[in-house]
Amino acid sequence: MISNFWPTKILHNNIKDNVAVEQAFNYILSTFPHNEMPSNKSGINLASKEYVCSETKPIIDFIEEQIKTYLENIWQFTGTFSFKVHATDHNQITVHNHSGSHLSGVFYLSVPQGDLLFYDPRYNANRGYPVSVRDKEFGHKTLELVEGDCVIFPSFLWHESTPNKSNLPRIIMPFDVWMRDE
C-alpha cells in the first residue's frame, strides 16, 4: 500500500468578472498612490466596513466566498473566521510565509508579468536527493496567474512571486484568515 502524507491543498479560482476587477484596480490606484498602498503593516483592512465601497465590494465578496469554499471543502471547517485584506504593487516579493494566520491568499487585479511559486513546506525535505528526484518530488510548484485569479493556501506555506519586469504595475490584494471554533 502507498500512502500520501502531508498534502498541501491550494485553491486557485477566477472571478470571471473583468468589469469588477477593472473597477477595483482603478479604485486602488486612484485612492492609494504607489508609496501609500495599504500594506499589511498599515492597519488598513480593505474588507472592513470602513473601506469596502462599490468598487471593491464584488472582489471582497468573492474573496470571502473562496475562503468559505476552502474552509468547508478542504478542512471541513464550519466555525467562524475573520480576514484582513490589503493591497500592494510590488515588482517582486521574495520567499516568505504568513506566520500568525491560518490561511493566506492573494487576489490579482493586475498581472502584467510574474508567477506565484510555492515551496515544499517540509523543512529540509529535499536534502541530499539526486537532482532528478529532488526537482520532481520536492521542487517548487508554479502557478501562472491572470487578472481576477484568487489563490488560497495554508499560511505556513513558503511562497514568492517572480519579478515583474514590465512597466505596468502588478496590483494584488493579499489577505490573511483567522479561524475560530464555535
Protein backbone atom coordinates (compact mmCIF):
# COMPACT_ATOMS: atom_id res chain seq x y z
CA MET A 1 0.00 0.00 0.00
CA ILE A 2 1.21 3.50 -0.80
CA SER A 3 0.05 6.35 1.42
CA ASN A 4 0.25 10.06 0.63
CA PHE A 5 1.03 12.16 3.70
CA TRP A 6 1.36 15.91 4.17
CA PRO A 7 -0.81 17.10 1.33
CA THR A 8 -0.99 20.86 0.98
CA LYS A 9 -4.19 21.96 -0.72
CA ILE A 10 -4.23 25.19 -2.73
CA LEU A 11 -7.39 26.81 -4.08
CA HIS A 12 -6.98 28.61 -7.42
CA ASN A 13 -10.11 30.18 -8.92
CA ASN A 14 -11.02 33.18 -11.08
CA ILE A 15 -13.83 35.68 -10.51
CA LYS A 16 -14.60 35.86 -14.27
CA ASP A 17 -15.82 39.44 -13.93
CA ASN A 18 -13.46 41.77 -15.82
CA VAL A 19 -15.54 44.84 -15.00
CA ALA A 20 -15.30 44.23 -11.24
CA VAL A 21 -11.55 43.63 -11.50
CA GLU A 22 -11.03 46.81 -13.53
CA GLN A 23 -13.16 48.92 -11.17
CA ALA A 24 -11.27 47.67 -8.10
CA PHE A 25 -7.93 48.18 -9.88
CA ASN A 26 -8.81 51.77 -10.79
CA TYR A 27 -10.09 52.46 -7.28
CA ILE A 28 -6.94 51.12 -5.60
CA LEU A 29 -4.65 53.13 -7.92
CA SER A 30 -6.63 56.35 -7.55
CA THR A 31 -7.10 56.07 -3.78
CA PHE A 32 -3.69 54.80 -2.72
CA PRO A 33 -0.63 56.19 -4.53
CA HIS A 34 2.29 53.82 -5.12
CA ASN A 35 4.12 54.64 -1.89
CA GLU A 36 0.91 54.68 0.19
CA MET A 37 -0.64 51.33 -0.69
CA PRO A 38 -2.46 49.85 2.33
CA SER A 39 0.17 47.24 3.16
CA ASN A 40 -0.15 44.58 5.83
CA LYS A 41 1.60 46.93 8.28
CA SER A 42 -0.67 49.92 7.58
CA GLY A 43 -3.55 48.75 9.75
CA ILE A 44 -5.95 49.28 6.83
CA ASN A 45 -8.28 46.36 6.18
CA LEU A 46 -9.93 46.73 2.77
CA ALA A 47 -12.54 44.16 3.92
CA SER A 48 -13.71 46.30 6.85
CA LYS A 49 -16.91 48.33 6.62
CA GLU A 50 -14.83 51.49 6.76
CA TYR A 51 -13.09 50.71 3.45
CA VAL A 52 -15.46 48.50 1.45
CA CYS A 53 -17.06 50.51 -1.34
CA SER A 54 -18.98 49.79 -4.53
CA GLU A 55 -15.71 49.42 -6.47
CA THR A 56 -14.19 46.80 -4.16
CA LYS A 57 -17.28 45.01 -2.78
CA PRO A 58 -17.52 42.40 -5.59
CA ILE A 59 -13.86 41.47 -5.05
CA ILE A 60 -14.15 41.34 -1.25
CA ASP A 61 -17.32 39.24 -1.54
CA PHE A 62 -15.57 36.85 -3.95
CA ILE A 63 -12.56 36.52 -1.62
CA GLU A 64 -14.88 35.75 1.31
CA GLU A 65 -16.76 33.17 -0.78
CA GLN A 66 -13.47 31.49 -1.75
CA ILE A 67 -12.32 31.40 1.88
CA LYS A 68 -15.59 29.70 2.85
CA THR A 69 -15.17 27.21 -0.01
CA TYR A 70 -11.64 26.35 1.11
CA LEU A 71 -12.55 26.01 4.79
CA GLU A 72 -15.65 23.89 4.18
CA ASN A 73 -14.40 21.69 1.33
CA ILE A 74 -10.74 21.22 2.25
CA TRP A 75 -10.76 21.31 6.05
CA GLN A 76 -14.48 20.64 6.73
CA PHE A 77 -14.38 23.69 8.99
CA THR A 78 -17.75 25.31 9.72
CA GLY A 79 -16.77 27.71 12.51
CA THR A 80 -16.39 31.45 12.12
CA PHE A 81 -13.48 33.30 10.60
CA SER A 82 -12.21 36.81 10.06
CA PHE A 83 -9.92 38.11 7.37
CA LYS A 84 -7.82 41.14 6.55
CA VAL A 85 -7.19 42.37 3.00
CA HIS A 86 -4.65 44.95 1.91
CA ALA A 87 -3.15 45.97 -1.46
CA THR A 88 0.38 46.08 -2.82
CA ASP A 89 2.15 46.83 -6.05
CA HIS A 90 5.43 45.01 -5.52
CA ASN A 91 7.53 44.19 -8.55
CA GLN A 92 8.77 41.10 -6.74
CA ILE A 93 8.03 39.51 -3.40
CA THR A 94 10.76 37.24 -2.07
CA VAL A 95 10.24 33.93 -0.29
CA HIS A 96 8.09 34.30 2.82
CA ASN A 97 5.15 32.84 4.70
CA HIS A 98 2.42 34.40 6.83
CA SER A 99 3.00 33.25 10.38
CA GLY A 100 0.24 34.18 12.78
CA SER A 101 -2.70 33.49 10.47
CA HIS A 102 -4.29 30.19 9.46
CA LEU A 103 -4.85 30.76 5.75
CA SER A 104 -3.36 33.27 3.35
CA GLY A 105 -4.26 34.26 -0.15
CA VAL A 106 -3.92 36.72 -2.95
CA PHE A 107 -6.41 38.28 -5.35
CA TYR A 108 -4.80 39.51 -8.58
CA LEU A 109 -6.09 42.80 -10.01
CA SER A 110 -3.26 43.27 -12.49
CA VAL A 111 -0.71 40.66 -13.58
CA PRO A 112 1.44 42.01 -16.42
CA GLN A 113 4.22 39.58 -15.55
CA GLY A 114 5.15 37.14 -12.81
CA ASP A 115 4.11 33.80 -11.40
CA LEU A 116 3.46 32.58 -7.88
CA LEU A 117 5.92 29.94 -6.66
CA PHE A 118 5.26 27.55 -3.77
CA TYR A 119 7.89 25.53 -1.94
CA ASP A 120 7.68 22.18 -0.16
CA PRO A 121 6.60 23.04 3.40
CA ARG A 122 8.64 20.21 4.95
CA TYR A 123 11.85 21.79 6.17
CA ASN A 124 14.91 20.24 4.50
CA ALA A 125 12.75 17.65 2.71
CA ASN A 126 14.85 17.86 -0.47
CA ARG A 127 18.22 17.46 1.22
CA GLY A 128 20.62 15.03 -0.44
CA TYR A 129 18.36 13.58 -3.12
CA PRO A 130 19.60 13.20 -6.69
CA VAL A 131 18.57 16.18 -8.83
CA SER A 132 16.13 14.08 -10.89
CA VAL A 133 14.22 13.08 -7.75
CA ARG A 134 14.68 16.38 -5.88
CA ASP A 135 13.25 18.55 -8.66
CA LYS A 136 10.35 16.19 -9.42
CA GLU A 137 9.29 15.40 -5.86
CA PHE A 138 10.43 18.42 -3.84
CA GLY A 139 10.90 21.25 -6.33
CA HIS A 140 8.83 24.39 -6.29
CA LYS A 141 5.40 24.45 -7.88
CA THR A 142 4.48 27.32 -10.18
CA LEU A 143 1.07 28.93 -10.69
CA GLU A 144 0.66 31.09 -13.76
CA LEU A 145 -1.75 33.90 -12.97
CA VAL A 146 -4.18 36.20 -14.76
CA GLU A 147 -6.31 39.13 -13.66
CA GLY A 148 -9.17 38.00 -11.45
CA ASP A 149 -7.36 34.98 -10.01
CA CYS A 150 -7.72 34.20 -6.31
CA VAL A 151 -5.28 31.79 -4.66
CA ILE A 152 -5.71 30.48 -1.09
CA PHE A 153 -3.30 28.28 0.86
CA PRO A 154 -2.24 27.44 4.44
CA SER A 155 -0.24 30.33 5.89
CA PHE A 156 2.77 28.17 6.74
CA LEU A 157 3.44 27.55 3.04
CA TRP A 158 6.56 29.35 1.78
CA HIS A 159 5.93 31.27 -1.44
CA GLU A 160 7.19 34.12 -3.60
CA SER A 161 6.33 35.97 -6.78
CA THR A 162 8.68 36.12 -9.71
CA PRO A 163 9.80 39.56 -10.94
CA ASN A 164 7.51 41.86 -12.87
CA LYS A 165 9.94 43.29 -15.42
CA SER A 166 7.25 45.16 -17.34
CA ASN A 167 6.50 48.86 -16.97
CA LEU A 168 2.94 48.08 -15.87
CA PRO A 169 2.03 47.76 -12.18
CA ARG A 170 1.25 44.37 -10.66
CA ILE A 171 -1.54 45.19 -8.22
CA ILE A 172 -2.52 42.44 -5.83
CA MET A 173 -4.77 42.15 -2.79
CA PRO A 174 -3.11 39.79 -0.29
CA PHE A 175 -5.19 38.58 2.64
CA ASP A 176 -4.91 36.54 5.82
CA VAL A 177 -7.58 34.46 7.54
CA TRP A 178 -8.09 33.55 11.21
CA MET A 179 -10.48 30.73 12.18
CA ARG A 180 -12.41 30.32 15.42
CA ASP A 181 -14.34 27.32 16.66
CA GLU A 182 -17.98 27.97 17.54
